[in-house]
PDB file of N, CA and C in Angstrom:
ATOM      1  N   MET A   1     -13.244  28.584  -6.678  1.00  0.00           N
ATOM      2  CA  MET A   1     -13.881  26.850  -6.791  1.00  0.00           C
ATOM      3  C   MET A   1     -13.980  27.157  -5.399  1.00  0.00           C
ATOM      4  N   SER A   2     -15.401  26.271  -5.251  1.00  0.00           N
ATOM      5  CA  SER A   2     -16.185  25.706  -4.615  1.00  0.00           C
ATOM      6  C   SER A   2     -15.428  25.045  -3.188  1.00  0.00           C
ATOM      7  N   GLU A   3     -15.430  25.035  -1.866  1.00  0.00           N
ATOM      8  CA  GLU A   3     -14.524  24.416  -1.087  1.00  0.00           C
ATOM      9  C   GLU A   3     -14.608  22.579  -1.179  1.00  0.00           C
ATOM     10  N   GLU A   4     -16.010  22.222  -1.690  1.00  0.00           N
ATOM     11  CA  GLU A   4     -16.154  20.670  -2.061  1.00  0.00           C
ATOM     12  C   GLU A   4     -14.928  19.843  -3.368  1.00  0.00           C
ATOM     13  N   LYS A   5     -14.943  21.563  -3.939  1.00  0.00           N
ATOM     14  CA  LYS A   5     -13.865  21.258  -5.579  1.00  0.00           C
ATOM     15  C   LYS A   5     -12.059  21.271  -5.398  1.00  0.00           C
ATOM     16  N   LYS A   6     -12.157  21.949  -3.811  1.00  0.00           N
ATOM     17  CA  LYS A   6     -10.609  21.828  -3.269  1.00  0.00           C
ATOM     18  C   LYS A   6      -9.959  20.565  -3.434  1.00  0.00           C
ATOM     19  N   GLY A   7     -10.997  19.904  -2.570  1.00  0.00           N
ATOM     20  CA  GLY A   7     -10.389  18.553  -2.131  1.00  0.00           C
ATOM     21  C   GLY A   7     -10.398  17.311  -3.140  1.00  0.00           C
ATOM     22  N   ARG A   8      -9.499  16.535  -3.216  1.00  0.00           N
ATOM     23  CA  ARG A   8      -9.381  15.762  -4.134  1.00  0.00           C
ATOM     24  C   ARG A   8     -10.652  14.910  -4.820  1.00  0.00           C
ATOM     25  N   TYR A   9     -11.405  14.359  -3.666  1.00  0.00           N
ATOM     26  CA  TYR A   9     -12.713  13.140  -3.266  1.00  0.00           C
ATOM     27  C   TYR A   9     -13.862  14.129  -2.853  1.00  0.00           C
ATOM     28  N   THR A  10     -14.935  13.955  -3.187  1.00  0.00           N
ATOM     29  CA  THR A  10     -16.154  14.904  -2.791  1.00  0.00           C
ATOM     30  C   THR A  10     -16.664  13.856  -1.907  1.00  0.00           C
ATOM     31  N   GLU A  11     -17.239  14.613  -0.473  1.00  0.00           N
ATOM     32  CA  GLU A  11     -17.621  13.986   0.927  1.00  0.00           C
ATOM     33  C   GLU A  11     -17.881  12.532   0.343  1.00  0.00           C
ATOM     34  N   ALA A  12     -18.934  12.161  -0.511  1.00  0.00           N
ATOM     35  CA  ALA A  12     -19.437  10.897  -1.238  1.00  0.00           C
ATOM     36  C   ALA A  12     -18.794  10.078  -1.127  1.00  0.00           C
ATOM     37  N   GLN A  13     -17.653  10.206  -2.098  1.00  0.00           N
ATOM     38  CA  GLN A  13     -16.751   9.495  -2.790  1.00  0.00           C
ATOM     39  C   GLN A  13     -15.354   9.133  -1.294  1.00  0.00           C
ATOM     40  N   ALA A  14     -15.463   9.933  -0.626  1.00  0.00           N
ATOM     41  CA  ALA A  14     -14.426   9.304   0.602  1.00  0.00           C
ATOM     42  C   ALA A  14     -15.227   8.811   1.595  1.00  0.00           C
ATOM     43  N   LYS A  15     -16.613   8.674   1.667  1.00  0.00           N
ATOM     44  CA  LYS A  15     -17.223   7.717   2.341  1.00  0.00           C
ATOM     45  C   LYS A  15     -17.330   6.045   1.959  1.00  0.00           C
ATOM     46  N   ALA A  16     -17.442   6.835   0.662  1.00  0.00           N
ATOM     47  CA  ALA A  16     -17.881   4.977  -0.056  1.00  0.00           C
ATOM     48  C   ALA A  16     -15.944   4.555   0.348  1.00  0.00           C
ATOM     49  N   ALA A  17     -14.910   5.389  -0.499  1.00  0.00           N
ATOM     50  CA  ALA A  17     -13.583   4.757  -0.174  1.00  0.00           C
ATOM     51  C   ALA A  17     -13.598   4.072   1.092  1.00  0.00           C
ATOM     52  N   LYS A  18     -13.654   4.843   2.265  1.00  0.00           N
ATOM     53  CA  LYS A  18     -13.490   4.283   3.609  1.00  0.00           C
ATOM     54  C   LYS A  18     -14.070   3.224   3.658  1.00  0.00           C
ATOM     55  N   LYS A  19     -15.768   3.222   3.561  1.00  0.00           N
ATOM     56  CA  LYS A  19     -16.603   1.517   3.375  1.00  0.00           C
ATOM     57  C   LYS A  19     -15.311   0.614   2.749  1.00  0.00           C
ATOM     58  N   TYR A  20     -15.429   0.668   1.568  1.00  0.00           N
ATOM     59  CA  TYR A  20     -14.708  -0.245   0.723  1.00  0.00           C
ATOM     60  C   TYR A  20     -13.359  -0.586   1.473  1.00  0.00           C
ATOM     61  N   LEU A  21     -12.788   0.003   1.752  1.00  0.00           N
ATOM     62  CA  LEU A  21     -10.968  -0.531   2.627  1.00  0.00           C
ATOM     63  C   LEU A  21     -11.694  -1.125   3.548  1.00  0.00           C
ATOM     64  N   LYS A  22     -12.273  -0.732   4.909  1.00  0.00           N
ATOM     65  CA  LYS A  22     -12.891  -1.216   5.550  1.00  0.00           C
ATOM     66  C   LYS A  22     -13.663  -2.933   5.493  1.00  0.00           C
ATOM     67  N   GLU A  23     -14.487  -3.111   4.246  1.00  0.00           N
ATOM     68  CA  GLU A  23     -14.406  -4.634   4.074  1.00  0.00           C
ATOM     69  C   GLU A  23     -14.041  -4.988   3.578  1.00  0.00           C
ATOM     70  N   SER A  24     -12.830  -4.584   2.812  1.00  0.00           N
ATOM     71  CA  SER A  24     -12.350  -5.482   1.837  1.00  0.00           C
ATOM     72  C   SER A  24     -10.420  -6.113   1.970  1.00  0.00           C
ATOM     73  N   VAL A  25      -9.856  -5.020   3.166  1.00  0.00           N
ATOM     74  CA  VAL A  25      -8.419  -5.002   3.134  1.00  0.00           C
ATOM     75  C   VAL A  25      -8.295  -5.103   4.416  1.00  0.00           C
ATOM     76  N   GLU A  26      -7.074  -5.530   5.399  1.00  0.00           N
ATOM     77  CA  GLU A  26      -6.803  -4.990   6.657  1.00  0.00           C
ATOM     78  C   GLU A  26      -5.050  -4.221   6.639  1.00  0.00           C
ATOM     79  N   ASP A  27      -4.741  -3.738   7.825  1.00  0.00           N
ATOM     80  CA  ASP A  27      -3.460  -3.380   7.702  1.00  0.00           C
ATOM     81  C   ASP A  27      -2.646  -4.501   8.164  1.00  0.00           C
ATOM     82  N   ILE A  28      -1.165  -4.158   8.226  1.00  0.00           N
ATOM     83  CA  ILE A  28       0.049  -4.873   8.861  1.00  0.00           C
ATOM     84  C   ILE A  28       0.925  -3.417   8.715  1.00  0.00           C
ATOM     85  N   ARG A  29       1.242  -2.996   9.869  1.00  0.00           N
ATOM     86  CA  ARG A  29       2.428  -2.480  10.130  1.00  0.00           C
ATOM     87  C   ARG A  29       3.774  -3.039  10.644  1.00  0.00           C
ATOM     88  N   ILE A  30       4.263  -2.866   9.444  1.00  0.00           N
ATOM     89  CA  ILE A  30       6.219  -2.814   9.995  1.00  0.00           C
ATOM     90  C   ILE A  30       7.069  -2.243  10.450  1.00  0.00           C
ATOM     91  N   ARG A  31       7.728  -2.384  10.841  1.00  0.00           N
ATOM     92  CA  ARG A  31       9.008  -1.389  11.447  1.00  0.00           C
ATOM     93  C   ARG A  31      10.507  -1.985  10.424  1.00  0.00           C
ATOM     94  N   VAL A  32      11.159  -1.096  10.457  1.00  0.00           N
ATOM     95  CA  VAL A  32      12.543  -1.042   9.259  1.00  0.00           C
ATOM     96  C   VAL A  32      13.269  -0.127  10.267  1.00  0.00           C
ATOM     97  N   PRO A  33      14.323  -0.841  10.467  1.00  0.00           N
ATOM     98  CA  PRO A  33      15.862   0.243  10.656  1.00  0.00           C
ATOM     99  C   PRO A  33      15.882   1.682  10.184  1.00  0.00           C
ATOM    100  N   LYS A  34      15.748   2.792  10.770  1.00  0.00           N
ATOM    101  CA  LYS A  34      15.635   4.012   9.974  1.00  0.00           C
ATOM    102  C   LYS A  34      17.082   4.278   8.390  1.00  0.00           C
ATOM    103  N   GLY A  35      15.868   5.493   7.574  1.00  0.00           N
ATOM    104  CA  GLY A  35      16.789   4.968   5.892  1.00  0.00           C
ATOM    105  C   GLY A  35      16.255   4.143   5.265  1.00  0.00           C
ATOM    106  N   GLN A  36      16.308   2.017   6.407  1.00  0.00           N
ATOM    107  CA  GLN A  36      15.783   1.116   4.848  1.00  0.00           C
ATOM    108  C   GLN A  36      14.088   1.548   4.492  1.00  0.00           C
ATOM    109  N   LYS A  37      13.774   2.033   4.953  1.00  0.00           N
ATOM    110  CA  LYS A  37      12.267   2.210   3.868  1.00  0.00           C
ATOM    111  C   LYS A  37      12.390   3.052   2.711  1.00  0.00           C
ATOM    112  N   ASP A  38      13.536   4.529   2.889  1.00  0.00           N
ATOM    113  CA  ASP A  38      13.775   4.646   1.256  1.00  0.00           C
ATOM    114  C   ASP A  38      14.655   3.990   0.455  1.00  0.00           C
ATOM    115  N   ILE A  39      15.567   2.965   1.029  1.00  0.00           N
ATOM    116  CA  ILE A  39      15.598   1.715   0.142  1.00  0.00           C
ATOM    117  C   ILE A  39      14.947   0.715  -0.249  1.00  0.00           C
ATOM    118  N   ILE A  40      13.989   0.741   0.358  1.00  0.00           N
ATOM    119  CA  ILE A  40      12.739  -0.458   0.026  1.00  0.00           C
ATOM    120  C   ILE A  40      11.889   0.111  -0.809  1.00  0.00           C
ATOM    121  N   LYS A  41      11.642   1.306  -0.420  1.00  0.00           N
ATOM    122  CA  LYS A  41      10.828   2.456  -1.945  1.00  0.00           C
ATOM    123  C   LYS A  41      11.709   2.494  -3.092  1.00  0.00           C
ATOM    124  N   ALA A  42      12.903   2.697  -3.352  1.00  0.00           N
ATOM    125  CA  ALA A  42      13.868   2.876  -4.448  1.00  0.00           C
ATOM    126  C   ALA A  42      13.596   1.420  -5.268  1.00  0.00           C
ATOM    127  N   ALA A  43      13.800   0.685  -4.551  1.00  0.00           N
ATOM    128  CA  ALA A  43      13.284  -0.794  -5.511  1.00  0.00           C
ATOM    129  C   ALA A  43      12.667  -1.021  -5.726  1.00  0.00           C
ATOM    130  N   ALA A  44      11.238  -0.823  -5.017  1.00  0.00           N
ATOM    131  CA  ALA A  44      10.377  -0.749  -5.586  1.00  0.00           C
ATOM    132  C   ALA A  44       9.849   0.140  -6.590  1.00  0.00           C
ATOM    133  N   GLU A  45      10.657   1.327  -6.708  1.00  0.00           N
ATOM    134  CA  GLU A  45      10.101   2.455  -7.974  1.00  0.00           C
ATOM    135  C   GLU A  45      11.244   1.737  -9.119  1.00  0.00           C
ATOM    136  N   SER A  46      12.068   1.031  -9.147  1.00  0.00           N
ATOM    137  CA  SER A  46      13.204   0.660 -10.123  1.00  0.00           C
ATOM    138  C   SER A  46      11.827  -0.278 -11.056  1.00  0.00           C
ATOM    139  N   VAL A  47      10.957  -1.193 -10.244  1.00  0.00           N
ATOM    140  CA  VAL A  47      10.247  -1.826 -11.049  1.00  0.00           C
ATOM    141  C   VAL A  47       9.254  -1.801 -11.308  1.00  0.00           C
ATOM    142  N   GLY A  48       9.063  -0.776 -10.946  1.00  0.00           N
ATOM    143  CA  GLY A  48       7.493  -0.061 -11.498  1.00  0.00           C
ATOM    144  C   GLY A  48       6.844  -0.616 -10.163  1.00  0.00           C
ATOM    145  N   GLU A  49       6.826  -0.650  -9.072  1.00  0.00           N
ATOM    146  CA  GLU A  49       5.230  -1.086  -8.397  1.00  0.00           C
ATOM    147  C   GLU A  49       5.733   0.019  -6.826  1.00  0.00           C
ATOM    148  N   SER A  50       3.973  -0.094  -6.686  1.00  0.00           N
ATOM    149  CA  SER A  50       4.397   0.670  -5.210  1.00  0.00           C
ATOM    150  C   SER A  50       4.909   0.095  -4.218  1.00  0.00           C
ATOM    151  N   LEU A  51       5.466   0.869  -3.049  1.00  0.00           N
ATOM    152  CA  LEU A  51       6.264   0.266  -2.029  1.00  0.00           C
ATOM    153  C   LEU A  51       4.893  -1.102  -1.344  1.00  0.00           C
ATOM    154  N   ASN A  52       3.679  -0.767  -1.497  1.00  0.00           N
ATOM    155  CA  ASN A  52       3.132  -1.783  -0.851  1.00  0.00           C
ATOM    156  C   ASN A  52       2.896  -2.940  -2.072  1.00  0.00           C
ATOM    157  N   THR A  53       2.937  -2.436  -2.922  1.00  0.00           N
ATOM    158  CA  THR A  53       3.112  -4.072  -4.164  1.00  0.00           C
ATOM    159  C   THR A  53       4.060  -4.820  -3.844  1.00  0.00           C
ATOM    160  N   TYR A  54       5.039  -3.808  -3.408  1.00  0.00           N
ATOM    161  CA  TYR A  54       6.287  -4.430  -3.479  1.00  0.00           C
ATOM    162  C   TYR A  54       6.586  -5.386  -2.771  1.00  0.00           C
ATOM    163  N   VAL A  55       6.054  -4.656  -1.318  1.00  0.00           N
ATOM    164  CA  VAL A  55       6.041  -5.326  -0.444  1.00  0.00           C
ATOM    165  C   VAL A  55       5.408  -6.585   0.286  1.00  0.00           C
ATOM    166  N   ARG A  56       4.233  -6.708  -0.403  1.00  0.00           N
ATOM    167  CA  ARG A  56       3.374  -7.506  -0.722  1.00  0.00           C
ATOM    168  C   ARG A  56       3.750  -8.751  -1.587  1.00  0.00           C
ATOM    169  N   ASN A  57       4.586  -8.569  -2.827  1.00  0.00           N
ATOM    170  CA  ASN A  57       4.943  -9.511  -3.654  1.00  0.00           C
ATOM    171  C   ASN A  57       6.265 -10.824  -2.775  1.00  0.00           C
ATOM    172  N   ALA A  58       6.743  -9.638  -1.980  1.00  0.00           N
ATOM    173  CA  ALA A  58       7.992 -10.007  -1.594  1.00  0.00           C
ATOM    174  C   ALA A  58       7.383 -11.572  -0.897  1.00  0.00           C
ATOM    175  N   ILE A  59       6.335 -10.925   0.165  1.00  0.00           N
ATOM    176  CA  ILE A  59       5.644 -11.881   1.320  1.00  0.00           C
ATOM    177  C   ILE A  59       5.424 -12.802   0.400  1.00  0.00           C
ATOM    178  N   ASP A  60       4.248 -12.851  -0.666  1.00  0.00           N
ATOM    179  CA  ASP A  60       3.492 -13.860  -1.381  1.00  0.00           C
ATOM    180  C   ASP A  60       4.817 -14.955  -1.869  1.00  0.00           C
ATOM    181  N   GLN A  61       5.830 -14.125  -2.472  1.00  0.00           N
ATOM    182  CA  GLN A  61       7.080 -14.974  -2.669  1.00  0.00           C
ATOM    183  C   GLN A  61       7.994 -16.235  -2.146  1.00  0.00           C
ATOM    184  N   ARG A  62       8.124 -15.469  -0.314  1.00  0.00           N
ATOM    185  CA  ARG A  62       8.762 -15.756   0.567  1.00  0.00           C
ATOM    186  C   ARG A  62       7.530 -17.167   0.933  1.00  0.00           C
ATOM    187  N   MET A  63       5.831 -16.551   1.431  1.00  0.00           N
ATOM    188  CA  MET A  63       5.703 -18.195   1.288  1.00  0.00           C
ATOM    189  C   MET A  63       5.537 -18.910   0.545  1.00  0.00           C
ATOM    190  N   GLU A  64       5.289 -18.730  -0.749  1.00  0.00           N
ATOM    191  CA  GLU A  64       5.347 -19.476  -1.861  1.00  0.00           C
ATOM    192  C   GLU A  64       6.752 -20.413  -2.051  1.00  0.00           C
ATOM    193  N   GLN A  65       7.385 -19.962  -1.428  1.00  0.00           N
ATOM    194  CA  GLN A  65       8.997 -20.773  -1.555  1.00  0.00           C
ATOM    195  C   GLN A  65       9.036 -21.499  -0.010  1.00  0.00           C
ATOM    196  N   ASP A  66       8.500 -21.117   1.253  1.00  0.00           N
ATOM    197  CA  ASP A  66       8.286 -21.633   2.267  1.00  0.00           C
ATOM    198  C   ASP A  66       7.593 -23.132   2.210  1.00  0.00           C
ATOM    199  N   CYS A  67       6.601 -22.945   1.627  1.00  0.00           N
ATOM    200  CA  CYS A  67       5.211 -23.544   1.194  1.00  0.00           C
ATOM    201  C   CYS A  67       6.117 -25.218   0.509  1.00  0.00           C
ATOM    202  N   LYS A  68       7.129 -25.088  -0.527  1.00  0.00           N
ATOM    203  CA  LYS A  68       7.658 -25.633  -1.179  1.00  0.00           C
ATOM    204  C   LYS A  68       8.323 -26.719  -0.495  1.00  0.00           C
ATOM    205  N   LYS A  69       9.028 -26.359   0.682  1.00  0.00           N
ATOM    206  CA  LYS A  69       9.828 -26.903   1.160  1.00  0.00           C
ATOM    207  C   LYS A  69       8.880 -28.103   1.810  1.00  0.00           C
TER     208      LYS A  69
END
């Protein structure tokens, strides 16, 4: 198997993905107490969501709730 096929993406695909992410999304870093990440991840998995989607949905729900007040 060639070196290029060993990786998950070709170099061109990786470059395109990096460009897309740079232009389309922003990162937010949060810190939680030790062990809390696993608890949140398990909660996300229990509803069929990724950790990222679960946290984003929680933030969206909170902002919607706060804006109604």
